[in-house]
């Protein structure tokens, strides 16, 4: 049996020195807006870290997709690329990504 399973996409962002809260908020808002424009997104959340164990990763982003195909379509999607280029790259210098089926 080859059943499709939802996919959890977790991204942790480490801001560049000097990145402002306003820039990070704009990044968060842009990432969250993707759920309205890209099909296959079941849910999304994004927020600012309060743990002292984050090793410099100050923003977390979690997206649940309908399946792996939806994740694969999301990554090159023009709106995702725009948010990454305009809002993420200018303020982030480190990213950790974990994807798994749920």
PDB file of N, CA and C in Angstrom:
ATOM      1  N   UNK A   1       0.842  -1.176   0.000  1.00  0.00           N
ATOM      2  CA  UNK A   1       0.000   0.000   0.000  1.00  0.00           C
ATOM      3  C   UNK A   1       0.892   1.246   0.000  1.00  0.00           C
ATOM      4  N   UNK A   2       0.623   2.161  -0.943  1.00  0.00           N
ATOM      5  CA  UNK A   2       1.423   3.376  -1.087  1.00  0.00           C
ATOM      6  C   UNK A   2       0.551   4.588  -0.768  1.00  0.00           C
ATOM      7  N   UNK A   3       0.253   4.792   0.501  1.00  0.00           N
ATOM      8  CA  UNK A   3      -0.625   5.890   0.877  1.00  0.00           C
ATOM      9  C   UNK A   3       0.158   7.195   1.004  1.00  0.00           C
ATOM     10  N   UNK A   4      -0.478   8.275   0.549  1.00  0.00           N
ATOM     11  CA  UNK A   4       0.109   9.605   0.665  1.00  0.00           C
ATOM     12  C   UNK A   4       0.017  10.064   2.114  1.00  0.00           C
ATOM     13  N   UNK A   5       1.093  10.593   2.627  1.00  0.00           N
ATOM     14  CA  UNK A   5       1.100  11.106   3.997  1.00  0.00           C
ATOM     15  C   UNK A   5       1.429  12.580   3.971  1.00  0.00           C
ATOM     16  N   UNK A   6       0.850  13.311   4.907  1.00  0.00           N
ATOM     17  CA  UNK A   6       1.170  14.739   5.010  1.00  0.00           C
ATOM     18  C   UNK A   6       2.636  14.907   5.393  1.00  0.00           C
ATOM     19  N   UNK A   7       3.170  16.078   5.069  1.00  0.00           N
ATOM     20  CA  UNK A   7       4.578  16.380   5.313  1.00  0.00           C
ATOM     21  C   UNK A   7       4.688  17.617   6.192  1.00  0.00           C
ATOM     22  N   UNK A   8       5.520  17.524   7.198  1.00  0.00           N
ATOM     23  CA  UNK A   8       5.845  18.657   8.066  1.00  0.00           C
ATOM     24  C   UNK A   8       7.183  19.222   7.593  1.00  0.00           C
ATOM     25  N   UNK A   9       7.202  20.516   7.319  1.00  0.00           N
ATOM     26  CA  UNK A   9       8.388  21.233   6.832  1.00  0.00           C
ATOM     27  C   UNK A   9       8.749  22.240   7.923  1.00  0.00           C
ATOM     28  N   UNK A  10       9.885  22.025   8.566  1.00  0.00           N
ATOM     29  CA  UNK A  10      10.302  22.876   9.687  1.00  0.00           C
ATOM     30  C   UNK A  10      11.558  23.637   9.287  1.00  0.00           C
ATOM     31  N   UNK A  11      11.533  24.947   9.469  1.00  0.00           N
ATOM     32  CA  UNK A  11      12.675  25.791   9.128  1.00  0.00           C
ATOM     33  C   UNK A  11      13.016  26.656  10.335  1.00  0.00           C
ATOM     34  N   UNK A  12      14.274  26.660  10.715  1.00  0.00           N
ATOM     35  CA  UNK A  12      14.777  27.525  11.787  1.00  0.00           C
ATOM     36  C   UNK A  12      15.728  28.534  11.159  1.00  0.00           C
ATOM     37  N   UNK A  13      15.512  29.811  11.447  1.00  0.00           N
ATOM     38  CA  UNK A  13      16.288  30.890  10.854  1.00  0.00           C
ATOM     39  C   UNK A  13      17.190  31.541  11.897  1.00  0.00           C
ATOM     40  N   UNK A  14      18.457  31.748  11.535  1.00  0.00           N
ATOM     41  CA  UNK A  14      19.398  32.504  12.368  1.00  0.00           C
ATOM     42  C   UNK A  14      19.599  33.863  11.705  1.00  0.00           C
ATOM     43  N   UNK A  15      19.145  34.935  12.343  1.00  0.00           N
ATOM     44  CA  UNK A  15      19.257  36.265  11.749  1.00  0.00           C
ATOM     45  C   UNK A  15      20.706  36.730  11.635  1.00  0.00           C
ATOM     46  N   UNK A  16      20.936  37.574  10.652  1.00  0.00           N
ATOM     47  CA  UNK A  16      22.227  38.241  10.510  1.00  0.00           C
ATOM     48  C   UNK A  16      22.379  39.239  11.652  1.00  0.00           C
ATOM     49  N   UNK A  17      23.604  39.504  12.071  1.00  0.00           N
ATOM     50  CA  UNK A  17      23.796  40.577  13.057  1.00  0.00           C
ATOM     51  C   UNK A  17      23.226  41.879  12.480  1.00  0.00           C
ATOM     52  N   UNK A  18      22.491  42.588  13.276  1.00  0.00           N
ATOM     53  CA  UNK A  18      21.916  43.847  12.820  1.00  0.00           C
ATOM     54  C   UNK A  18      20.532  43.733  12.212  1.00  0.00           C
ATOM     55  N   UNK A  19      20.051  42.511  11.997  1.00  0.00           N
ATOM     56  CA  UNK A  19      18.675  42.362  11.488  1.00  0.00           C
ATOM     57  C   UNK A  19      17.725  42.927  12.543  1.00  0.00           C
ATOM     58  N   UNK A  20      16.795  43.752  12.112  1.00  0.00           N
ATOM     59  CA  UNK A  20      15.878  44.390  13.056  1.00  0.00           C
ATOM     60  C   UNK A  20      14.634  43.536  13.278  1.00  0.00           C
ATOM     61  N   UNK A  21      13.948  43.804  14.361  1.00  0.00           N
ATOM     62  CA  UNK A  21      12.699  43.101  14.646  1.00  0.00           C
ATOM     63  C   UNK A  21      11.678  43.384  13.546  1.00  0.00           C
ATOM     64  N   UNK A  22      11.685  44.597  13.003  1.00  0.00           N
ATOM     65  CA  UNK A  22      10.772  44.959  11.929  1.00  0.00           C
ATOM     66  C   UNK A  22      11.040  44.115  10.684  1.00  0.00           C
ATOM     67  N   UNK A  23      12.311  43.904  10.349  1.00  0.00           N
ATOM     68  CA  UNK A  23      12.655  43.065   9.196  1.00  0.00           C
ATOM     69  C   UNK A  23      12.226  41.618   9.428  1.00  0.00           C
ATOM     70  N   UNK A  24      12.460  41.119  10.632  1.00  0.00           N
ATOM     71  CA  UNK A  24      12.088  39.742  10.944  1.00  0.00           C
ATOM     72  C   UNK A  24      10.570  39.573  10.974  1.00  0.00           C
ATOM     73  N   UNK A  25       9.868  40.597  11.424  1.00  0.00           N
ATOM     74  CA  UNK A  25       8.406  40.554  11.408  1.00  0.00           C
ATOM     75  C   UNK A  25       7.890  40.544   9.971  1.00  0.00           C
ATOM     76  N   UNK A  26       8.497  41.341   9.110  1.00  0.00           N
ATOM     77  CA  UNK A  26       8.110  41.342   7.691  1.00  0.00           C
ATOM     78  C   UNK A  26       8.375  39.971   7.070  1.00  0.00           C
ATOM     79  N   UNK A  27       9.496  39.347   7.430  1.00  0.00           N
ATOM     80  CA  UNK A  27       9.808  38.004   6.948  1.00  0.00           C
ATOM     81  C   UNK A  27       8.733  37.026   7.413  1.00  0.00           C
ATOM     82  N   UNK A  28       8.420  37.065   8.711  1.00  0.00           N
ATOM     83  CA  UNK A  28       7.386  36.188   9.268  1.00  0.00           C
ATOM     84  C   UNK A  28       6.062  36.372   8.537  1.00  0.00           C
ATOM     85  N   UNK A  29       5.653  37.612   8.358  1.00  0.00           N
ATOM     86  CA  UNK A  29       4.383  37.890   7.713  1.00  0.00           C
ATOM     87  C   UNK A  29       4.373  37.391   6.262  1.00  0.00           C
ATOM     88  N   UNK A  30       5.482  37.584   5.566  1.00  0.00           N
ATOM     89  CA  UNK A  30       5.593  37.106   4.189  1.00  0.00           C
ATOM     90  C   UNK A  30       5.523  35.601   4.097  1.00  0.00           C
ATOM     91  N   UNK A  31       6.194  34.925   5.020  1.00  0.00           N
ATOM     92  CA  UNK A  31       6.149  33.457   5.042  1.00  0.00           C
ATOM     93  C   UNK A  31       4.736  32.960   5.322  1.00  0.00           C
ATOM     94  N   UNK A  32       4.081  33.562   6.298  1.00  0.00           N
ATOM     95  CA  UNK A  32       2.722  33.132   6.635  1.00  0.00           C
ATOM     96  C   UNK A  32       1.733  33.400   5.498  1.00  0.00           C
ATOM     97  N   UNK A  33       1.954  34.444   4.731  1.00  0.00           N
ATOM     98  CA  UNK A  33       1.060  34.765   3.614  1.00  0.00           C
ATOM     99  C   UNK A  33       1.106  33.703   2.522  1.00  0.00           C
ATOM    100  N   UNK A  34       2.165  32.909   2.490  1.00  0.00           N
ATOM    101  CA  UNK A  34       2.275  31.869   1.464  1.00  0.00           C
ATOM    102  C   UNK A  34       1.147  30.854   1.556  1.00  0.00           C
ATOM    103  N   UNK A  35       0.587  30.662   2.730  1.00  0.00           N
ATOM    104  CA  UNK A  35      -0.501  29.685   2.877  1.00  0.00           C
ATOM    105  C   UNK A  35      -1.733  30.108   2.097  1.00  0.00           C
ATOM    106  N   UNK A  36      -1.842  31.398   1.786  1.00  0.00           N
ATOM    107  CA  UNK A  36      -2.990  31.902   1.020  1.00  0.00           C
ATOM    108  C   UNK A  36      -2.776  31.814  -0.479  1.00  0.00           C
ATOM    109  N   UNK A  37      -1.532  31.662  -0.918  1.00  0.00           N
ATOM    110  CA  UNK A  37      -1.245  31.733  -2.350  1.00  0.00           C
ATOM    111  C   UNK A  37      -0.705  30.440  -2.954  1.00  0.00           C
ATOM    112  N   UNK A  38      -0.291  29.494  -2.131  1.00  0.00           N
ATOM    113  CA  UNK A  38       0.304  28.262  -2.656  1.00  0.00           C
ATOM    114  C   UNK A  38      -0.576  27.077  -2.261  1.00  0.00           C
ATOM    115  N   UNK A  39      -1.004  26.329  -3.254  1.00  0.00           N
ATOM    116  CA  UNK A  39      -1.864  25.183  -2.968  1.00  0.00           C
ATOM    117  C   UNK A  39      -1.050  24.056  -2.326  1.00  0.00           C
ATOM    118  N   UNK A  40      -1.735  23.225  -1.577  1.00  0.00           N
ATOM    119  CA  UNK A  40      -1.087  22.097  -0.924  1.00  0.00           C
ATOM    120  C   UNK A  40      -0.664  22.369   0.502  1.00  0.00           C
ATOM    121  N   UNK A  41      -0.777  23.634   0.951  1.00  0.00           N
ATOM    122  CA  UNK A  41      -0.455  23.962   2.333  1.00  0.00           C
ATOM    123  C   UNK A  41      -1.696  23.715   3.184  1.00  0.00           C
ATOM    124  N   UNK A  42      -1.544  22.864   4.188  1.00  0.00           N
ATOM    125  CA  UNK A  42      -2.633  22.546   5.102  1.00  0.00           C
ATOM    126  C   UNK A  42      -2.670  23.553   6.252  1.00  0.00           C
ATOM    127  N   UNK A  43      -1.502  23.892   6.782  1.00  0.00           N
ATOM    128  CA  UNK A  43      -1.393  24.823   7.908  1.00  0.00           C
ATOM    129  C   UNK A  43       0.016  25.392   7.938  1.00  0.00           C
ATOM    130  N   UNK A  44       0.153  26.561   8.559  1.00  0.00           N
ATOM    131  CA  UNK A  44       1.473  27.181   8.713  1.00  0.00           C
ATOM    132  C   UNK A  44       1.491  28.004   9.985  1.00  0.00           C
ATOM    133  N   UNK A  45       2.653  27.996  10.646  1.00  0.00           N
ATOM    134  CA  UNK A  45       2.857  28.863  11.802  1.00  0.00           C
ATOM    135  C   UNK A  45       4.288  29.373  11.755  1.00  0.00           C
ATOM    136  N   UNK A  46       4.479  30.553  12.313  1.00  0.00           N
ATOM    137  CA  UNK A  46       5.807  31.146  12.324  1.00  0.00           C
ATOM    138  C   UNK A  46       5.884  32.057  13.541  1.00  0.00           C
ATOM    139  N   UNK A  47       7.005  31.992  14.267  1.00  0.00           N
ATOM    140  CA  UNK A  47       7.112  32.828  15.447  1.00  0.00           C
ATOM    141  C   UNK A  47       8.534  33.028  15.902  1.00  0.00           C
ATOM    142  N   UNK A  48       8.656  33.871  16.923  1.00  0.00           N
ATOM    143  CA  UNK A  48       9.952  34.242  17.473  1.00  0.00           C
ATOM    144  C   UNK A  48      10.291  33.354  18.665  1.00  0.00           C
ATOM    145  N   UNK A  49      11.493  32.874  18.692  1.00  0.00           N
ATOM    146  CA  UNK A  49      11.980  31.982  19.733  1.00  0.00           C
ATOM    147  C   UNK A  49      12.076  32.688  21.085  1.00  0.00           C
ATOM    148  N   UNK A  50      11.775  31.946  22.145  1.00  0.00           N
ATOM    149  CA  UNK A  50      12.015  32.457  23.491  1.00  0.00           C
ATOM    150  C   UNK A  50      12.902  31.514  24.298  1.00  0.00           C
ATOM    151  N   UNK A  51      13.340  30.430  23.704  1.00  0.00           N
ATOM    152  CA  UNK A  51      14.203  29.465  24.390  1.00  0.00           C
ATOM    153  C   UNK A  51      15.657  29.921  24.370  1.00  0.00           C
ATOM    154  N   UNK A  52      16.373  29.601  25.424  1.00  0.00           N
ATOM    155  CA  UNK A  52      17.805  29.909  25.465  1.00  0.00           C
ATOM    156  C   UNK A  52      18.633  28.805  24.800  1.00  0.00           C
ATOM    157  N   UNK A  53      17.971  27.778  24.276  1.00  0.00           N
ATOM    158  CA  UNK A  53      18.665  26.633  23.679  1.00  0.00           C
ATOM    159  C   UNK A  53      18.673  26.667  22.159  1.00  0.00           C
ATOM    160  N   UNK A  54      18.306  27.758  21.547  1.00  0.00           N
ATOM    161  CA  UNK A  54      18.102  27.827  20.098  1.00  0.00           C
ATOM    162  C   UNK A  54      19.379  27.990  19.288  1.00  0.00           C
ATOM    163  N   UNK A  55      20.506  28.190  19.940  1.00  0.00           N
ATOM    164  CA  UNK A  55      21.793  28.327  19.258  1.00  0.00           C
ATOM    165  C   UNK A  55      21.762  29.390  18.163  1.00  0.00           C
ATOM    166  N   UNK A  56      21.083  30.501  18.443  1.00  0.00           N
ATOM    167  CA  UNK A  56      21.057  31.627  17.516  1.00  0.00           C
ATOM    168  C   UNK A  56      19.932  31.594  16.502  1.00  0.00           C
ATOM    169  N   UNK A  57      19.178  30.527  16.451  1.00  0.00           N
ATOM    170  CA  UNK A  57      18.046  30.447  15.522  1.00  0.00           C
ATOM    171  C   UNK A  57      16.844  31.089  16.213  1.00  0.00           C
ATOM    172  N   UNK A  58      16.483  32.270  15.754  1.00  0.00           N
ATOM    173  CA  UNK A  58      15.524  33.096  16.471  1.00  0.00           C
ATOM    174  C   UNK A  58      14.117  33.097  15.900  1.00  0.00           C
ATOM    175  N   UNK A  59      13.939  32.507  14.708  1.00  0.00           N
ATOM    176  CA  UNK A  59      12.606  32.441  14.106  1.00  0.00           C
ATOM    177  C   UNK A  59      12.362  31.007  13.658  1.00  0.00           C
ATOM    178  N   UNK A  60      11.198  30.479  13.994  1.00  0.00           N
ATOM    179  CA  UNK A  60      10.810  29.147  13.563  1.00  0.00           C
ATOM    180  C   UNK A  60       9.610  29.221  12.634  1.00  0.00           C
ATOM    181  N   UNK A  61       9.608  28.369  11.611  1.00  0.00           N
ATOM    182  CA  UNK A  61       8.533  28.332  10.617  1.00  0.00           C
ATOM    183  C   UNK A  61       8.169  26.878  10.388  1.00  0.00           C
ATOM    184  N   UNK A  62       6.901  26.551  10.555  1.00  0.00           N
ATOM    185  CA  UNK A  62       6.424  25.183  10.358  1.00  0.00           C
ATOM    186  C   UNK A  62       5.283  25.214   9.359  1.00  0.00           C
ATOM    187  N   UNK A  63       5.410  24.393   8.313  1.00  0.00           N
ATOM    188  CA  UNK A  63       4.373  24.301   7.291  1.00  0.00           C
ATOM    189  C   UNK A  63       3.996  22.832   7.140  1.00  0.00           C
ATOM    190  N   UNK A  64       2.696  22.561   7.135  1.00  0.00           N
ATOM    191  CA  UNK A  64       2.224  21.202   6.867  1.00  0.00           C
ATOM    192  C   UNK A  64       1.649  21.187   5.446  1.00  0.00           C
ATOM    193  N   UNK A  65       2.125  20.215   4.676  1.00  0.00           N
ATOM    194  CA  UNK A  65       1.683  20.039   3.292  1.00  0.00           C
ATOM    195  C   UNK A  65       0.833  18.781   3.161  1.00  0.00           C
ATOM    196  N   UNK A  66       0.009  18.764   2.140  1.00  0.00           N
ATOM    197  CA  UNK A  66      -0.850  17.612   1.900  1.00  0.00           C
ATOM    198  C   UNK A  66      -0.038  16.346   1.652  1.00  0.00           C
ATOM    199  N   UNK A  67       1.132  16.499   1.003  1.00  0.00           N
ATOM    200  CA  UNK A  67       1.975  15.349   0.675  1.00  0.00           C
ATOM    201  C   UNK A  67       3.329  15.847   0.178  1.00  0.00           C
ATOM    202  N   UNK A  68       4.213  14.923  -0.169  1.00  0.00           N
ATOM    203  CA  UNK A  68       5.544  15.299  -0.648  1.00  0.00           C
ATOM    204  C   UNK A  68       5.480  16.094  -1.944  1.00  0.00           C
ATOM    205  N   UNK A  69       4.544  15.746  -2.813  1.00  0.00           N
ATOM    206  CA  UNK A  69       4.411  16.469  -4.078  1.00  0.00           C
ATOM    207  C   UNK A  69       4.099  17.947  -3.828  1.00  0.00           C
ATOM    208  N   UNK A  70       3.283  18.240  -2.835  1.00  0.00           N
ATOM    209  CA  UNK A  70       2.963  19.640  -2.509  1.00  0.00           C
ATOM    210  C   UNK A  70       4.215  20.372  -2.034  1.00  0.00           C
ATOM    211  N   UNK A  71       5.035  19.718  -1.201  1.00  0.00           N
ATOM    212  CA  UNK A  71       6.296  20.326  -0.766  1.00  0.00           C
ATOM    213  C   UNK A  71       7.207  20.575  -1.959  1.00  0.00           C
ATOM    214  N   UNK A  72       7.297  19.604  -2.852  1.00  0.00           N
ATOM    215  CA  UNK A  72       8.160  19.754  -4.026  1.00  0.00           C
ATOM    216  C   UNK A  72       7.689  20.882  -4.937  1.00  0.00           C
ATOM    217  N   UNK A  73       6.374  21.124  -4.990  1.00  0.00           N
ATOM    218  CA  UNK A  73       5.857  22.233  -5.776  1.00  0.00           C
ATOM    219  C   UNK A  73       6.034  23.581  -5.102  1.00  0.00           C
ATOM    220  N   UNK A  74       6.083  23.570  -3.791  1.00  0.00           N
ATOM    221  CA  UNK A  74       6.234  24.792  -2.994  1.00  0.00           C
ATOM    222  C   UNK A  74       7.625  25.406  -3.162  1.00  0.00           C
ATOM    223  N   UNK A  75       8.648  24.581  -3.118  1.00  0.00           N
ATOM    224  CA  UNK A  75      10.022  25.092  -3.102  1.00  0.00           C
ATOM    225  C   UNK A  75      10.349  25.983  -4.304  1.00  0.00           C
ATOM    226  N   UNK A  76      10.012  25.588  -5.543  1.00  0.00           N
ATOM    227  CA  UNK A  76      10.308  26.463  -6.691  1.00  0.00           C
ATOM    228  C   UNK A  76       9.183  27.454  -7.025  1.00  0.00           C
ATOM    229  N   UNK A  77       8.093  27.420  -6.275  1.00  0.00           N
ATOM    230  CA  UNK A  77       6.947  28.293  -6.575  1.00  0.00           C
ATOM    231  C   UNK A  77       7.407  29.759  -6.610  1.00  0.00           C
ATOM    232  N   UNK A  78       6.987  30.521  -7.620  1.00  0.00           N
ATOM    233  CA  UNK A  78       7.448  31.914  -7.750  1.00  0.00           C
ATOM    234  C   UNK A  78       7.187  32.777  -6.510  1.00  0.00           C
ATOM    235  N   UNK A  79       6.066  32.592  -5.843  1.00  0.00           N
ATOM    236  CA  UNK A  79       5.781  33.409  -4.661  1.00  0.00           C
ATOM    237  C   UNK A  79       6.703  33.024  -3.500  1.00  0.00           C
ATOM    238  N   UNK A  80       6.992  31.750  -3.349  1.00  0.00           N
ATOM    239  CA  UNK A  80       7.950  31.309  -2.325  1.00  0.00           C
ATOM    240  C   UNK A  80       9.332  31.879  -2.637  1.00  0.00           C
ATOM    241  N   UNK A  81       9.743  31.792  -3.887  1.00  0.00           N
ATOM    242  CA  UNK A  81      11.058  32.321  -4.282  1.00  0.00           C
ATOM    243  C   UNK A  81      11.128  33.829  -4.012  1.00  0.00           C
ATOM    244  N   UNK A  82      10.028  34.564  -4.290  1.00  0.00           N
ATOM    245  CA  UNK A  82      10.010  36.010  -4.061  1.00  0.00           C
ATOM    246  C   UNK A  82      10.203  36.320  -2.586  1.00  0.00           C
ATOM    247  N   UNK A  83       9.482  35.617  -1.712  1.00  0.00           N
ATOM    248  CA  UNK A  83       9.606  35.854  -0.276  1.00  0.00           C
ATOM    249  C   UNK A  83      11.028  35.532   0.190  1.00  0.00           C
ATOM    250  N   UNK A  84      11.573  34.441  -0.276  1.00  0.00           N
ATOM    251  CA  UNK A  84      12.935  34.061   0.117  1.00  0.00           C
ATOM    252  C   UNK A  84      13.929  35.131  -0.328  1.00  0.00           C
ATOM    253  N   UNK A  85      13.836  35.554  -1.578  1.00  0.00           N
ATOM    254  CA  UNK A  85      14.796  36.537  -2.110  1.00  0.00           C
ATOM    255  C   UNK A  85      14.632  37.916  -1.476  1.00  0.00           C
ATOM    256  N   UNK A  86      13.396  38.367  -1.288  1.00  0.00           N
ATOM    257  CA  UNK A  86      13.164  39.735  -0.826  1.00  0.00           C
ATOM    258  C   UNK A  86      13.129  39.885   0.685  1.00  0.00           C
ATOM    259  N   UNK A  87      12.658  38.860   1.402  1.00  0.00           N
ATOM    260  CA  UNK A  87      12.445  39.020   2.842  1.00  0.00           C
ATOM    261  C   UNK A  87      13.331  38.136   3.709  1.00  0.00           C
ATOM    262  N   UNK A  88      13.759  36.991   3.200  1.00  0.00           N
ATOM    263  CA  UNK A  88      14.563  36.073   4.007  1.00  0.00           C
ATOM    264  C   UNK A  88      16.058  36.333   3.803  1.00  0.00           C
ATOM    265  N   UNK A  89      16.542  36.242   2.574  1.00  0.00           N
ATOM    266  CA  UNK A  89      17.983  36.383   2.331  1.00  0.00           C
ATOM    267  C   UNK A  89      18.596  37.673   2.889  1.00  0.00           C
ATOM    268  N   UNK A  90      17.911  38.812   2.820  1.00  0.00           N
ATOM    269  CA  UNK A  90      18.528  40.029   3.350  1.00  0.00           C
ATOM    270  C   UNK A  90      18.763  40.020   4.866  1.00  0.00           C
ATOM    271  N   UNK A  91      18.053  39.166   5.620  1.00  0.00           N
ATOM    272  CA  UNK A  91      18.148  39.236   7.079  1.00  0.00           C
ATOM    273  C   UNK A  91      18.596  37.943   7.753  1.00  0.00           C
ATOM    274  N   UNK A  92      18.820  36.887   6.974  1.00  0.00           N
ATOM    275  CA  UNK A  92      19.145  35.583   7.559  1.00  0.00           C
ATOM    276  C   UNK A  92      20.485  35.094   7.047  1.00  0.00           C
ATOM    277  N   UNK A  93      21.310  34.563   7.964  1.00  0.00           N
ATOM    278  CA  UNK A  93      22.584  33.984   7.523  1.00  0.00           C
ATOM    279  C   UNK A  93      22.735  32.509   7.872  1.00  0.00           C
ATOM    280  N   UNK A  94      21.721  31.921   8.456  1.00  0.00           N
ATOM    281  CA  UNK A  94      21.773  30.492   8.756  1.00  0.00           C
ATOM    282  C   UNK A  94      20.376  29.903   8.802  1.00  0.00           C
ATOM    283  N   UNK A  95      20.223  28.715   8.200  1.00  0.00           N
ATOM    284  CA  UNK A  95      18.924  28.051   8.147  1.00  0.00           C
ATOM    285  C   UNK A  95      19.132  26.557   8.403  1.00  0.00           C
ATOM    286  N   UNK A  96      18.237  25.991   9.188  1.00  0.00           N
ATOM    287  CA  UNK A  96      18.150  24.546   9.354  1.00  0.00           C
ATOM    288  C   UNK A  96      16.772  24.123   8.863  1.00  0.00           C
ATOM    289  N   UNK A  97      16.732  23.078   8.032  1.00  0.00           N
ATOM    290  CA  UNK A  97      15.457  22.573   7.509  1.00  0.00           C
ATOM    291  C   UNK A  97      15.326  21.101   7.832  1.00  0.00           C
ATOM    292  N   UNK A  98      14.154  20.714   8.308  1.00  0.00           N
ATOM    293  CA  UNK A  98      13.829  19.311   8.541  1.00  0.00           C
ATOM    294  C   UNK A  98      12.471  19.057   7.922  1.00  0.00           C
ATOM    295  N   UNK A  99      12.380  17.997   7.116  1.00  0.00           N
ATOM    296  CA  UNK A  99      11.113  17.582   6.522  1.00  0.00           C
ATOM    297  C   UNK A  99      10.855  16.138   6.922  1.00  0.00           C
ATOM    298  N   UNK A 100       9.605  15.854   7.314  1.00  0.00           N
ATOM    299  CA  UNK A 100       9.258  14.474   7.634  1.00  0.00           C
ATOM    300  C   UNK A 100       7.780  14.245   7.394  1.00  0.00           C
ATOM    301  N   UNK A 101       7.425  12.986   7.167  1.00  0.00           N
ATOM    302  CA  UNK A 101       6.033  12.625   6.968  1.00  0.00           C
ATOM    303  C   UNK A 101       5.355  12.428   8.316  1.00  0.00           C
ATOM    304  N   UNK A 102       4.061  12.798   8.368  1.00  0.00           N
ATOM    305  CA  UNK A 102       3.285  12.632   9.595  1.00  0.00           C
ATOM    306  C   UNK A 102       2.077  11.756   9.330  1.00  0.00           C
TER     307      UNK A 102
END
